[in-house]
Amino acid sequence: KIEIFSEVGELGEVSFDRIKMEQVVSNLISNAIKYSEKGSIWVQGERGSKEVSVSVQDEGKGIPPQFQEKIFDRFFQVEKKGKGSGIGLAIAKAWVEVHGGKIWVESDGEGRGAKFSFTLPI
């Protein structure tokens, strides 16, 4: 019931820990699947003049505004679903920030999906 699309342009040479960034992207996609009952998920990546940006957008449950600041806190979960421990996004944030990047979430609220994005400097 869920379709996943990717649109990744030529990113060129970027220096980062491949395993750590695979964990970040994998976590974002896994969460998008976990919190979507149907619809589409889009994975996008592009290179700008000073950074590479990656985003994972879904049509799932969304995140209420009051939780968007807390979503990257260790052990925080908007709702307990499955076997998750609430540390995946905290780890993703740590890996991105160790690489000098930023990570954030955008959501118009419950039932409106979410878009998680991160950037890494070139």
PDB file of N, CA and C in Angstrom:
ATOM      1  N   LYS A   1       0.808  -1.205   0.000  1.00  0.00           N
ATOM      2  CA  LYS A   1       0.000   0.000   0.000  1.00  0.00           C
ATOM      3  C   LYS A   1       0.851   1.268   0.000  1.00  0.00           C
ATOM      4  N   ILE A   2       2.160   1.115   0.117  1.00  0.00           N
ATOM      5  CA  ILE A   2       3.048   2.281   0.142  1.00  0.00           C
ATOM      6  C   ILE A   2       4.010   2.200  -1.039  1.00  0.00           C
ATOM      7  N   GLU A   3       4.095   3.279  -1.788  1.00  0.00           N
ATOM      8  CA  GLU A   3       5.057   3.367  -2.889  1.00  0.00           C
ATOM      9  C   GLU A   3       6.197   4.275  -2.459  1.00  0.00           C
ATOM     10  N   ILE A   4       7.407   3.882  -2.806  1.00  0.00           N
ATOM     11  CA  ILE A   4       8.581   4.688  -2.480  1.00  0.00           C
ATOM     12  C   ILE A   4       9.224   5.152  -3.778  1.00  0.00           C
ATOM     13  N   PHE A   5       9.449   6.449  -3.864  1.00  0.00           N
ATOM     14  CA  PHE A   5      10.068   7.058  -5.040  1.00  0.00           C
ATOM     15  C   PHE A   5      11.362   7.732  -4.601  1.00  0.00           C
ATOM     16  N   SER A   6      12.354   7.720  -5.467  1.00  0.00           N
ATOM     17  CA  SER A   6      13.578   8.456  -5.159  1.00  0.00           C
ATOM     18  C   SER A   6      13.951   9.343  -6.330  1.00  0.00           C
ATOM     19  N   GLU A   7      14.450  10.482  -5.985  1.00  0.00           N
ATOM     20  CA  GLU A   7      14.906  11.463  -6.967  1.00  0.00           C
ATOM     21  C   GLU A   7      16.191  12.067  -6.406  1.00  0.00           C
ATOM     22  N   VAL A   8      17.288  11.489  -6.815  1.00  0.00           N
ATOM     23  CA  VAL A   8      18.581  11.928  -6.308  1.00  0.00           C
ATOM     24  C   VAL A   8      19.429  12.356  -7.488  1.00  0.00           C
ATOM     25  N   GLY A   9      19.804  13.613  -7.477  1.00  0.00           N
ATOM     26  CA  GLY A   9      20.652  14.135  -8.540  1.00  0.00           C
ATOM     27  C   GLY A   9      22.097  13.737  -8.325  1.00  0.00           C
ATOM     28  N   GLU A  10      22.966  14.231  -9.164  1.00  0.00           N
ATOM     29  CA  GLU A  10      24.400  13.971  -9.039  1.00  0.00           C
ATOM     30  C   GLU A  10      24.915  14.724  -7.817  1.00  0.00           C
ATOM     31  N   LEU A  11      25.372  13.991  -6.827  1.00  0.00           N
ATOM     32  CA  LEU A  11      25.836  14.620  -5.590  1.00  0.00           C
ATOM     33  C   LEU A  11      27.320  14.949  -5.624  1.00  0.00           C
ATOM     34  N   GLY A  12      28.021  14.391  -6.579  1.00  0.00           N
ATOM     35  CA  GLY A  12      29.446  14.664  -6.678  1.00  0.00           C
ATOM     36  C   GLY A  12      30.200  14.070  -5.506  1.00  0.00           C
ATOM     37  N   GLU A  13      31.405  14.535  -5.282  1.00  0.00           N
ATOM     38  CA  GLU A  13      32.227  14.015  -4.202  1.00  0.00           C
ATOM     39  C   GLU A  13      31.923  14.765  -2.916  1.00  0.00           C
ATOM     40  N   VAL A  14      31.519  13.998  -1.916  1.00  0.00           N
ATOM     41  CA  VAL A  14      31.214  14.557  -0.601  1.00  0.00           C
ATOM     42  C   VAL A  14      31.909  13.678   0.423  1.00  0.00           C
ATOM     43  N   SER A  15      32.497  14.285   1.436  1.00  0.00           N
ATOM     44  CA  SER A  15      33.223  13.524   2.450  1.00  0.00           C
ATOM     45  C   SER A  15      32.340  13.319   3.678  1.00  0.00           C
ATOM     46  N   PHE A  16      31.988  12.052   3.946  1.00  0.00           N
ATOM     47  CA  PHE A  16      31.213  11.714   5.138  1.00  0.00           C
ATOM     48  C   PHE A  16      31.376  10.229   5.422  1.00  0.00           C
ATOM     49  N   ASP A  17      30.982   9.834   6.608  1.00  0.00           N
ATOM     50  CA  ASP A  17      31.019   8.430   6.999  1.00  0.00           C
ATOM     51  C   ASP A  17      29.808   7.760   6.360  1.00  0.00           C
ATOM     52  N   ARG A  18      30.061   6.946   5.374  1.00  0.00           N
ATOM     53  CA  ARG A  18      28.987   6.320   4.596  1.00  0.00           C
ATOM     54  C   ARG A  18      28.044   5.483   5.462  1.00  0.00           C
ATOM     55  N   ILE A  19      28.598   4.713   6.376  1.00  0.00           N
ATOM     56  CA  ILE A  19      27.763   3.859   7.231  1.00  0.00           C
ATOM     57  C   ILE A  19      26.832   4.706   8.092  1.00  0.00           C
ATOM     58  N   LYS A  20      27.348   5.778   8.659  1.00  0.00           N
ATOM     59  CA  LYS A  20      26.527   6.651   9.512  1.00  0.00           C
ATOM     60  C   LYS A  20      25.404   7.302   8.703  1.00  0.00           C
ATOM     61  N   MET A  21      25.724   7.776   7.505  1.00  0.00           N
ATOM     62  CA  MET A  21      24.687   8.435   6.699  1.00  0.00           C
ATOM     63  C   MET A  21      23.666   7.419   6.168  1.00  0.00           C
ATOM     64  N   GLU A  22      24.115   6.190   5.910  1.00  0.00           N
ATOM     65  CA  GLU A  22      23.151   5.146   5.534  1.00  0.00           C
ATOM     66  C   GLU A  22      22.194   4.878   6.685  1.00  0.00           C
ATOM     67  N   GLN A  23      22.707   4.913   7.926  1.00  0.00           N
ATOM     68  CA  GLN A  23      21.851   4.729   9.095  1.00  0.00           C
ATOM     69  C   GLN A  23      20.835   5.859   9.211  1.00  0.00           C
ATOM     70  N   VAL A  24      21.262   7.083   8.955  1.00  0.00           N
ATOM     71  CA  VAL A  24      20.352   8.231   9.027  1.00  0.00           C
ATOM     72  C   VAL A  24      19.225   8.065   8.011  1.00  0.00           C
ATOM     73  N   VAL A  25      19.584   7.838   6.752  1.00  0.00           N
ATOM     74  CA  VAL A  25      18.575   7.716   5.697  1.00  0.00           C
ATOM     75  C   VAL A  25      17.678   6.507   5.945  1.00  0.00           C
ATOM     76  N   SER A  26      18.266   5.400   6.351  1.00  0.00           N
ATOM     77  CA  SER A  26      17.495   4.194   6.646  1.00  0.00           C
ATOM     78  C   SER A  26      16.489   4.441   7.756  1.00  0.00           C
ATOM     79  N   ASN A  27      16.907   5.152   8.799  1.00  0.00           N
ATOM     80  CA  ASN A  27      16.000   5.465   9.903  1.00  0.00           C
ATOM     81  C   ASN A  27      14.840   6.342   9.433  1.00  0.00           C
ATOM     82  N   LEU A  28      15.138   7.342   8.622  1.00  0.00           N
ATOM     83  CA  LEU A  28      14.078   8.239   8.138  1.00  0.00           C
ATOM     84  C   LEU A  28      13.076   7.486   7.258  1.00  0.00           C
ATOM     85  N   ILE A  29      13.575   6.621   6.389  1.00  0.00           N
ATOM     86  CA  ILE A  29      12.680   5.835   5.532  1.00  0.00           C
ATOM     87  C   ILE A  29      11.877   4.845   6.374  1.00  0.00           C
ATOM     88  N   SER A  30      12.525   4.193   7.317  1.00  0.00           N
ATOM     89  CA  SER A  30      11.841   3.240   8.187  1.00  0.00           C
ATOM     90  C   SER A  30      10.711   3.913   8.961  1.00  0.00           C
ATOM     91  N   ASN A  31      10.982   5.091   9.511  1.00  0.00           N
ATOM     92  CA  ASN A  31       9.933   5.829  10.227  1.00  0.00           C
ATOM     93  C   ASN A  31       8.796   6.232   9.298  1.00  0.00           C
ATOM     94  N   ALA A  32       9.135   6.653   8.094  1.00  0.00           N
ATOM     95  CA  ALA A  32       8.099   7.045   7.135  1.00  0.00           C
ATOM     96  C   ALA A  32       7.182   5.859   6.838  1.00  0.00           C
ATOM     97  N   ILE A  33       7.758   4.690   6.687  1.00  0.00           N
ATOM     98  CA  ILE A  33       6.959   3.482   6.433  1.00  0.00           C
ATOM     99  C   ILE A  33       6.125   3.139   7.666  1.00  0.00           C
ATOM    100  N   LYS A  34       6.751   3.179   8.837  1.00  0.00           N
ATOM    101  CA  LYS A  34       6.084   2.792  10.076  1.00  0.00           C
ATOM    102  C   LYS A  34       4.853   3.659  10.359  1.00  0.00           C
ATOM    103  N   TYR A  35       4.933   4.939  10.045  1.00  0.00           N
ATOM    104  CA  TYR A  35       3.853   5.860  10.381  1.00  0.00           C
ATOM    105  C   TYR A  35       2.970   6.223   9.192  1.00  0.00           C
ATOM    106  N   SER A  36       3.033   5.423   8.138  1.00  0.00           N
ATOM    107  CA  SER A  36       2.169   5.599   6.969  1.00  0.00           C
ATOM    108  C   SER A  36       1.421   4.292   6.734  1.00  0.00           C
ATOM    109  N   GLU A  37       0.126   4.365   6.633  1.00  0.00           N
ATOM    110  CA  GLU A  37      -0.655   3.163   6.339  1.00  0.00           C
ATOM    111  C   GLU A  37      -0.785   2.933   4.839  1.00  0.00           C
ATOM    112  N   LYS A  38      -0.681   4.013   4.065  1.00  0.00           N
ATOM    113  CA  LYS A  38      -0.761   3.945   2.617  1.00  0.00           C
ATOM    114  C   LYS A  38      -0.182   5.241   2.066  1.00  0.00           C
ATOM    115  N   GLY A  39      -0.137   5.343   0.754  1.00  0.00           N
ATOM    116  CA  GLY A  39       0.356   6.565   0.138  1.00  0.00           C
ATOM    117  C   GLY A  39       1.755   6.409  -0.411  1.00  0.00           C
ATOM    118  N   SER A  40       2.447   7.524  -0.498  1.00  0.00           N
ATOM    119  CA  SER A  40       3.767   7.554  -1.117  1.00  0.00           C
ATOM    120  C   SER A  40       4.805   8.132  -0.170  1.00  0.00           C
ATOM    121  N   ILE A  41       6.034   7.716  -0.403  1.00  0.00           N
ATOM    122  CA  ILE A  41       7.186   8.262   0.294  1.00  0.00           C
ATOM    123  C   ILE A  41       8.168   8.712  -0.778  1.00  0.00           C
ATOM    124  N   TRP A  42       8.682   9.920  -0.632  1.00  0.00           N
ATOM    125  CA  TRP A  42       9.643  10.464  -1.589  1.00  0.00           C
ATOM    126  C   TRP A  42      10.973  10.675  -0.897  1.00  0.00           C
ATOM    127  N   VAL A  43      12.026  10.149  -1.498  1.00  0.00           N
ATOM    128  CA  VAL A  43      13.391  10.362  -1.018  1.00  0.00           C
ATOM    129  C   VAL A  43      14.075  11.228  -2.059  1.00  0.00           C
ATOM    130  N   GLN A  44      14.556  12.379  -1.636  1.00  0.00           N
ATOM    131  CA  GLN A  44      15.175  13.306  -2.579  1.00  0.00           C
ATOM    132  C   GLN A  44      16.552  13.716  -2.073  1.00  0.00           C
ATOM    133  N   GLY A  45      17.455  13.926  -2.997  1.00  0.00           N
ATOM    134  CA  GLY A  45      18.790  14.402  -2.659  1.00  0.00           C
ATOM    135  C   GLY A  45      19.300  15.296  -3.764  1.00  0.00           C
ATOM    136  N   GLU A  46      19.974  16.360  -3.369  1.00  0.00           N
ATOM    137  CA  GLU A  46      20.551  17.256  -4.375  1.00  0.00           C
ATOM    138  C   GLU A  46      21.754  17.984  -3.800  1.00  0.00           C
ATOM    139  N   ARG A  47      22.580  18.420  -4.703  1.00  0.00           N
ATOM    140  CA  ARG A  47      23.788  19.154  -4.332  1.00  0.00           C
ATOM    141  C   ARG A  47      23.569  20.628  -4.627  1.00  0.00           C
ATOM    142  N   GLY A  48      23.826  21.443  -3.622  1.00  0.00           N
ATOM    143  CA  GLY A  48      23.819  22.884  -3.803  1.00  0.00           C
ATOM    144  C   GLY A  48      25.244  23.380  -3.915  1.00  0.00           C
ATOM    145  N   SER A  49      25.417  24.681  -3.856  1.00  0.00           N
ATOM    146  CA  SER A  49      26.761  25.231  -3.989  1.00  0.00           C
ATOM    147  C   SER A  49      27.613  25.006  -2.738  1.00  0.00           C
ATOM    148  N   LYS A  50      26.976  24.907  -1.552  1.00  0.00           N
ATOM    149  CA  LYS A  50      27.724  24.761  -0.321  1.00  0.00           C
ATOM    150  C   LYS A  50      27.341  23.535   0.501  1.00  0.00           C
ATOM    151  N   GLU A  51      26.287  22.836   0.079  1.00  0.00           N
ATOM    152  CA  GLU A  51      25.840  21.690   0.863  1.00  0.00           C
ATOM    153  C   GLU A  51      25.072  20.691   0.016  1.00  0.00           C
ATOM    154  N   VAL A  52      24.965  19.491   0.562  1.00  0.00           N
ATOM    155  CA  VAL A  52      24.124  18.446  -0.012  1.00  0.00           C
ATOM    156  C   VAL A  52      22.891  18.358   0.879  1.00  0.00           C
ATOM    157  N   SER A  53      21.722  18.272   0.268  1.00  0.00           N
ATOM    158  CA  SER A  53      20.501  18.144   1.062  1.00  0.00           C
ATOM    159  C   SER A  53      19.780  16.849   0.701  1.00  0.00           C
ATOM    160  N   VAL A  54      19.208  16.224   1.726  1.00  0.00           N
ATOM    161  CA  VAL A  54      18.468  14.982   1.576  1.00  0.00           C
ATOM    162  C   VAL A  54      17.165  15.138   2.336  1.00  0.00           C
ATOM    163  N   SER A  55      16.072  14.642   1.755  1.00  0.00           N
ATOM    164  CA  SER A  55      14.794  14.690   2.462  1.00  0.00           C
ATOM    165  C   SER A  55      14.008  13.409   2.224  1.00  0.00           C
ATOM    166  N   VAL A  56      13.201  13.070   3.224  1.00  0.00           N
ATOM    167  CA  VAL A  56      12.291  11.931   3.151  1.00  0.00           C
ATOM    168  C   VAL A  56      10.920  12.474   3.543  1.00  0.00           C
ATOM    169  N   GLN A  57       9.995  12.416   2.606  1.00  0.00           N
ATOM    170  CA  GLN A  57       8.659  12.968   2.826  1.00  0.00           C
ATOM    171  C   GLN A  57       7.621  11.864   2.687  1.00  0.00           C
ATOM    172  N   ASP A  58       6.650  11.871   3.598  1.00  0.00           N
ATOM    173  CA  ASP A  58       5.601  10.853   3.554  1.00  0.00           C
ATOM    174  C   ASP A  58       4.216  11.495   3.617  1.00  0.00           C
ATOM    175  N   GLU A  59       3.208  10.653   3.444  1.00  0.00           N
ATOM    176  CA  GLU A  59       1.812  11.089   3.531  1.00  0.00           C
ATOM    177  C   GLU A  59       1.142  10.458   4.752  1.00  0.00           C
ATOM    178  N   GLY A  60       1.936  10.193   5.765  1.00  0.00           N
ATOM    179  CA  GLY A  60       1.475   9.460   6.935  1.00  0.00           C
ATOM    180  C   GLY A  60       0.779  10.311   7.978  1.00  0.00           C
ATOM    181  N   LYS A  61       0.944   9.888   9.229  1.00  0.00           N
ATOM    182  CA  LYS A  61       0.212  10.454  10.357  1.00  0.00           C
ATOM    183  C   LYS A  61       0.565  11.903  10.663  1.00  0.00           C
ATOM    184  N   GLY A  62       1.720  12.343  10.252  1.00  0.00           N
ATOM    185  CA  GLY A  62       2.131  13.705  10.561  1.00  0.00           C
ATOM    186  C   GLY A  62       2.555  13.853  12.013  1.00  0.00           C
ATOM    187  N   ILE A  63       3.010  15.042  12.355  1.00  0.00           N
ATOM    188  CA  ILE A  63       3.496  15.324  13.702  1.00  0.00           C
ATOM    189  C   ILE A  63       2.849  16.607  14.192  1.00  0.00           C
ATOM    190  N   PRO A  64       2.103  16.533  15.290  1.00  0.00           N
ATOM    191  CA  PRO A  64       1.493  17.750  15.833  1.00  0.00           C
ATOM    192  C   PRO A  64       2.561  18.799  16.144  1.00  0.00           C
ATOM    193  N   PRO A  65       2.243  20.082  15.953  1.00  0.00           N
ATOM    194  CA  PRO A  65       3.231  21.152  16.151  1.00  0.00           C
ATOM    195  C   PRO A  65       3.918  21.120  17.510  1.00  0.00           C
ATOM    196  N   GLN A  66       3.202  20.780  18.564  1.00  0.00           N
ATOM    197  CA  GLN A  66       3.785  20.814  19.904  1.00  0.00           C
ATOM    198  C   GLN A  66       4.867  19.746  20.101  1.00  0.00           C
ATOM    199  N   PHE A  67       4.951  18.759  19.207  1.00  0.00           N
ATOM    200  CA  PHE A  67       5.950  17.708  19.335  1.00  0.00           C
ATOM    201  C   PHE A  67       7.122  17.865  18.371  1.00  0.00           C
ATOM    202  N   GLN A  68       7.047  18.781  17.443  1.00  0.00           N
ATOM    203  CA  GLN A  68       8.078  18.887  16.410  1.00  0.00           C
ATOM    204  C   GLN A  68       9.438  19.279  16.974  1.00  0.00           C
ATOM    205  N   GLU A  69       9.476  20.075  18.026  1.00  0.00           N
ATOM    206  CA  GLU A  69      10.754  20.443  18.648  1.00  0.00           C
ATOM    207  C   GLU A  69      11.351  19.272  19.416  1.00  0.00           C
ATOM    208  N   LYS A  70      10.501  18.390  19.942  1.00  0.00           N
ATOM    209  CA  LYS A  70      10.946  17.296  20.805  1.00  0.00           C
ATOM    210  C   LYS A  70      11.275  16.022  20.042  1.00  0.00           C
ATOM    211  N   ILE A  71      10.912  15.949  18.786  1.00  0.00           N
ATOM    212  CA  ILE A  71      10.972  14.696  18.031  1.00  0.00           C
ATOM    213  C   ILE A  71      12.384  14.114  17.953  1.00  0.00           C
ATOM    214  N   PHE A  72      13.413  14.952  18.085  1.00  0.00           N
ATOM    215  CA  PHE A  72      14.795  14.476  18.020  1.00  0.00           C
ATOM    216  C   PHE A  72      15.389  14.196  19.404  1.00  0.00           C
ATOM    217  N   ASP A  73      14.583  14.358  20.471  1.00  0.00           N
ATOM    218  CA  ASP A  73      15.048  14.072  21.827  1.00  0.00           C
ATOM    219  C   ASP A  73      15.126  12.567  22.046  1.00  0.00           C
ATOM    220  N   ARG A  74      16.135  12.144  22.749  1.00  0.00           N
ATOM    221  CA  ARG A  74      16.326  10.719  23.043  1.00  0.00           C
ATOM    222  C   ARG A  74      15.125  10.177  23.823  1.00  0.00           C
ATOM    223  N   PHE A  75      14.624   9.038  23.405  1.00  0.00           N
ATOM    224  CA  PHE A  75      13.516   8.288  24.002  1.00  0.00           C
ATOM    225  C   PHE A  75      12.140   8.935  23.800  1.00  0.00           C
ATOM    226  N   PHE A  76      12.066  10.072  23.105  1.00  0.00           N
ATOM    227  CA  PHE A  76      10.763  10.698  22.877  1.00  0.00           C
ATOM    228  C   PHE A  76      10.054  10.016  21.716  1.00  0.00           C
ATOM    229  N   GLN A  77       8.775   9.724  21.903  1.00  0.00           N
ATOM    230  CA  GLN A  77       7.940   9.179  20.838  1.00  0.00           C
ATOM    231  C   GLN A  77       6.585   9.863  20.902  1.00  0.00           C
ATOM    232  N   VAL A  78       6.093  10.306  19.741  1.00  0.00           N
ATOM    233  CA  VAL A  78       4.750  10.883  19.700  1.00  0.00           C
ATOM    234  C   VAL A  78       3.751   9.810  20.083  1.00  0.00           C
ATOM    235  N   GLU A  79       3.933   8.622  19.534  1.00  0.00           N
ATOM    236  CA  GLU A  79       3.101   7.479  19.902  1.00  0.00           C
ATOM    237  C   GLU A  79       3.952   6.230  19.839  1.00  0.00           C
ATOM    238  N   LYS A  80       3.715   5.327  20.736  1.00  0.00           N
ATOM    239  CA  LYS A  80       4.450   4.059  20.758  1.00  0.00           C
ATOM    240  C   LYS A  80       3.873   3.168  19.676  1.00  0.00           C
ATOM    241  N   LYS A  81       4.705   2.812  18.703  1.00  0.00           N
ATOM    242  CA  LYS A  81       4.244   1.962  17.612  1.00  0.00           C
ATOM    243  C   LYS A  81       5.343   0.973  17.269  1.00  0.00           C
ATOM    244  N   GLY A  82       5.070  -0.284  17.446  1.00  0.00           N
ATOM    245  CA  GLY A  82       6.056  -1.309  17.125  1.00  0.00           C
ATOM    246  C   GLY A  82       7.118  -1.436  18.198  1.00  0.00           C
ATOM    247  N   LYS A  83       8.310  -1.845  17.770  1.00  0.00           N
ATOM    248  CA  LYS A  83       9.390  -2.156  18.697  1.00  0.00           C
ATOM    249  C   LYS A  83      10.349  -0.992  18.898  1.00  0.00           C
ATOM    250  N   GLY A  84      10.039   0.164  18.389  1.00  0.00           N
ATOM    251  CA  GLY A  84      10.956   1.292  18.487  1.00  0.00           C
ATOM    252  C   GLY A  84      11.199   1.733  19.915  1.00  0.00           C
ATOM    253  N   SER A  85      12.405   2.269  20.153  1.00  0.00           N
ATOM    254  CA  SER A  85      12.783   2.708  21.495  1.00  0.00           C
ATOM    255  C   SER A  85      12.801   4.225  21.632  1.00  0.00           C
ATOM    256  N   GLY A  86      12.622   4.927  20.527  1.00  0.00           N
ATOM    257  CA  GLY A  86      12.650   6.383  20.595  1.00  0.00           C
ATOM    258  C   GLY A  86      14.041   6.974  20.532  1.00  0.00           C
ATOM    259  N   ILE A  87      15.019   6.206  20.049  1.00  0.00           N
ATOM    260  CA  ILE A  87      16.369   6.780  19.955  1.00  0.00           C
ATOM    261  C   ILE A  87      16.843   6.972  18.518  1.00  0.00           C
ATOM    262  N   GLY A  88      16.101   6.455  17.559  1.00  0.00           N
ATOM    263  CA  GLY A  88      16.530   6.527  16.163  1.00  0.00           C
ATOM    264  C   GLY A  88      16.751   7.940  15.659  1.00  0.00           C
ATOM    265  N   LEU A  89      15.810   8.839  15.923  1.00  0.00           N
ATOM    266  CA  LEU A  89      15.959  10.214  15.447  1.00  0.00           C
ATOM    267  C   LEU A  89      17.027  10.971  16.227  1.00  0.00           C
ATOM    268  N   ALA A  90      17.193  10.633  17.510  1.00  0.00           N
ATOM    269  CA  ALA A  90      18.266  11.253  18.296  1.00  0.00           C
ATOM    270  C   ALA A  90      19.629  10.857  17.732  1.00  0.00           C
ATOM    271  N   ILE A  91      19.769   9.593  17.354  1.00  0.00           N
ATOM    272  CA  ILE A  91      21.019   9.131  16.756  1.00  0.00           C
ATOM    273  C   ILE A  91      21.233   9.784  15.390  1.00  0.00           C
ATOM    274  N   ALA A  92      20.162   9.860  14.594  1.00  0.00           N
ATOM    275  CA  ALA A  92      20.259  10.511  13.280  1.00  0.00           C
ATOM    276  C   ALA A  92      20.736  11.949  13.444  1.00  0.00           C
ATOM    277  N   LYS A  93      20.161  12.655  14.408  1.00  0.00           N
ATOM    278  CA  LYS A  93      20.564  14.044  14.652  1.00  0.00           C
ATOM    279  C   LYS A  93      22.040  14.112  15.045  1.00  0.00           C
ATOM    280  N   ALA A  94      22.465  13.216  15.920  1.00  0.00           N
ATOM    281  CA  ALA A  94      23.866  13.213  16.354  1.00  0.00           C
ATOM    282  C   ALA A  94      24.807  12.984  15.177  1.00  0.00           C
ATOM    283  N   TRP A  95      24.496  12.002  14.310  1.00  0.00           N
ATOM    284  CA  TRP A  95      25.375  11.713  13.168  1.00  0.00           C
ATOM    285  C   TRP A  95      25.435  12.898  12.212  1.00  0.00           C
ATOM    286  N   VAL A  96      24.293  13.508  11.944  1.00  0.00           N
ATOM    287  CA  VAL A  96      24.275  14.653  11.026  1.00  0.00           C
ATOM    288  C   VAL A  96      25.073  15.816  11.613  1.00  0.00           C
ATOM    289  N   GLU A  97      24.864  16.104  12.884  1.00  0.00           N
ATOM    290  CA  GLU A  97      25.555  17.237  13.507  1.00  0.00           C
ATOM    291  C   GLU A  97      27.060  16.995  13.640  1.00  0.00           C
ATOM    292  N   VAL A  98      27.478  15.752  13.890  1.00  0.00           N
ATOM    293  CA  VAL A  98      28.907  15.433  13.946  1.00  0.00           C
ATOM    294  C   VAL A  98      29.570  15.731  12.598  1.00  0.00           C
ATOM    295  N   HIS A  99      28.809  15.597  11.529  1.00  0.00           N
ATOM    296  CA  HIS A  99      29.318  15.885  10.183  1.00  0.00           C
ATOM    297  C   HIS A  99      29.182  17.372   9.819  1.00  0.00           C
ATOM    298  N   GLY A 100      28.745  18.201  10.774  1.00  0.00           N
ATOM    299  CA  GLY A 100      28.617  19.637  10.528  1.00  0.00           C
ATOM    300  C   GLY A 100      27.318  20.026   9.849  1.00  0.00           C
ATOM    301  N   GLY A 101      26.351  19.119   9.829  1.00  0.00           N
ATOM    302  CA  GLY A 101      25.081  19.391   9.156  1.00  0.00           C
ATOM    303  C   GLY A 101      23.962  19.747  10.108  1.00  0.00           C
ATOM    304  N   LYS A 102      22.773  19.881   9.545  1.00  0.00           N
ATOM    305  CA  LYS A 102      21.561  20.195  10.301  1.00  0.00           C
ATOM    306  C   LYS A 102      20.472  19.211   9.885  1.00  0.00           C
ATOM    307  N   ILE A 103      19.560  18.909  10.810  1.00  0.00           N
ATOM    308  CA  ILE A 103      18.427  18.045  10.521  1.00  0.00           C
ATOM    309  C   ILE A 103      17.188  18.670  11.146  1.00  0.00           C
ATOM    310  N   TRP A 104      16.061  18.555  10.461  1.00  0.00           N
ATOM    311  CA  TRP A 104      14.821  19.142  10.961  1.00  0.00           C
ATOM    312  C   TRP A 104      13.622  18.407  10.373  1.00  0.00           C
ATOM    313  N   VAL A 105      12.452  18.725  10.920  1.00  0.00           N
ATOM    314  CA  VAL A 105      11.205  18.132  10.448  1.00  0.00           C
ATOM    315  C   VAL A 105      10.213  19.247  10.134  1.00  0.00           C
ATOM    316  N   GLU A 106       9.398  18.996   9.126  1.00  0.00           N
ATOM    317  CA  GLU A 106       8.298  19.883   8.783  1.00  0.00           C
ATOM    318  C   GLU A 106       7.044  19.031   8.691  1.00  0.00           C
ATOM    319  N   SER A 107       5.958  19.493   9.298  1.00  0.00           N
ATOM    320  CA  SER A 107       4.687  18.793   9.213  1.00  0.00           C
ATOM    321  C   SER A 107       3.579  19.792   9.476  1.00  0.00           C
ATOM    322  N   ASP A 108       2.521  19.697   8.704  1.00  0.00           N
ATOM    323  CA  ASP A 108       1.372  20.575   8.907  1.00  0.00           C
ATOM    324  C   ASP A 108       0.435  20.030   9.970  1.00  0.00           C
ATOM    325  N   GLY A 109       0.879  19.016  10.707  1.00  0.00           N
ATOM    326  CA  GLY A 109       0.099  18.487  11.817  1.00  0.00           C
ATOM    327  C   GLY A 109      -0.404  17.087  11.562  1.00  0.00           C
ATOM    328  N   GLU A 110      -1.187  16.611  12.515  1.00  0.00           N
ATOM    329  CA  GLU A 110      -1.704  15.247  12.469  1.00  0.00           C
ATOM    330  C   GLU A 110      -2.466  14.953  11.187  1.00  0.00           C
ATOM    331  N   GLY A 111      -2.142  13.788  10.602  1.00  0.00           N
ATOM    332  CA  GLY A 111      -2.821  13.353   9.385  1.00  0.00           C
ATOM    333  C   GLY A 111      -2.347  14.038   8.121  1.00  0.00           C
ATOM    334  N   ARG A 112      -1.284  14.850   8.209  1.00  0.00           N
ATOM    335  CA  ARG A 112      -0.841  15.639   7.057  1.00  0.00           C
ATOM    336  C   ARG A 112       0.554  15.262   6.575  1.00  0.00           C
ATOM    337  N   GLY A 113       1.082  14.149   7.059  1.00  0.00           N
ATOM    338  CA  GLY A 113       2.400  13.722   6.620  1.00  0.00           C
ATOM    339  C   GLY A 113       3.516  14.501   7.272  1.00  0.00           C
ATOM    340  N   ALA A 114       4.740  14.112   6.963  1.00  0.00           N
ATOM    341  CA  ALA A 114       5.918  14.773   7.517  1.00  0.00           C
ATOM    342  C   ALA A 114       7.042  14.740   6.492  1.00  0.00           C
ATOM    343  N   LYS A 115       7.914  15.713   6.609  1.00  0.00           N
ATOM    344  CA  LYS A 115       9.095  15.773   5.758  1.00  0.00           C
ATOM    345  C   LYS A 115      10.301  15.992   6.659  1.00  0.00           C
ATOM    346  N   PHE A 116      11.188  14.997   6.683  1.00  0.00           N
ATOM    347  CA  PHE A 116      12.434  15.096   7.422  1.00  0.00           C
ATOM    348  C   PHE A 116      13.533  15.432   6.431  1.00  0.00           C
ATOM    349  N   SER A 117      14.320  16.446   6.762  1.00  0.00           N
ATOM    350  CA  SER A 117      15.391  16.883   5.875  1.00  0.00           C
ATOM    351  C   SER A 117      16.683  17.045   6.656  1.00  0.00           C
ATOM    352  N   PHE A 118      17.788  16.848   5.950  1.00  0.00           N
ATOM    353  CA  PHE A 118      19.071  17.169   6.552  1.00  0.00           C
ATOM    354  C   PHE A 118      20.018  17.675   5.481  1.00  0.00           C
ATOM    355  N   THR A 119      21.000  18.442   5.932  1.00  0.00           N
ATOM    356  CA  THR A 119      22.016  18.969   5.036  1.00  0.00           C
ATOM    357  C   THR A 119      23.391  18.575   5.575  1.00  0.00           C
ATOM    358  N   LEU A 120      24.339  18.445   4.664  1.00  0.00           N
ATOM    359  CA  LEU A 120      25.731  18.210   4.996  1.00  0.00           C
ATOM    360  C   LEU A 120      26.570  19.190   4.200  1.00  0.00           C
ATOM    361  N   PRO A 121      27.538  19.829   4.850  1.00  0.00           N
ATOM    362  CA  PRO A 121      28.379  20.777   4.112  1.00  0.00           C
ATOM    363  C   PRO A 121      29.269  20.038   3.101  1.00  0.00           C
ATOM    364  N   ILE A 122      29.585  20.736   2.039  1.00  0.00           N
ATOM    365  CA  ILE A 122      30.473  20.172   1.012  1.00  0.00           C
ATOM    366  C   ILE A 122      31.903  20.529   1.390  1.00  0.00           C
TER     367      ILE A 122
END
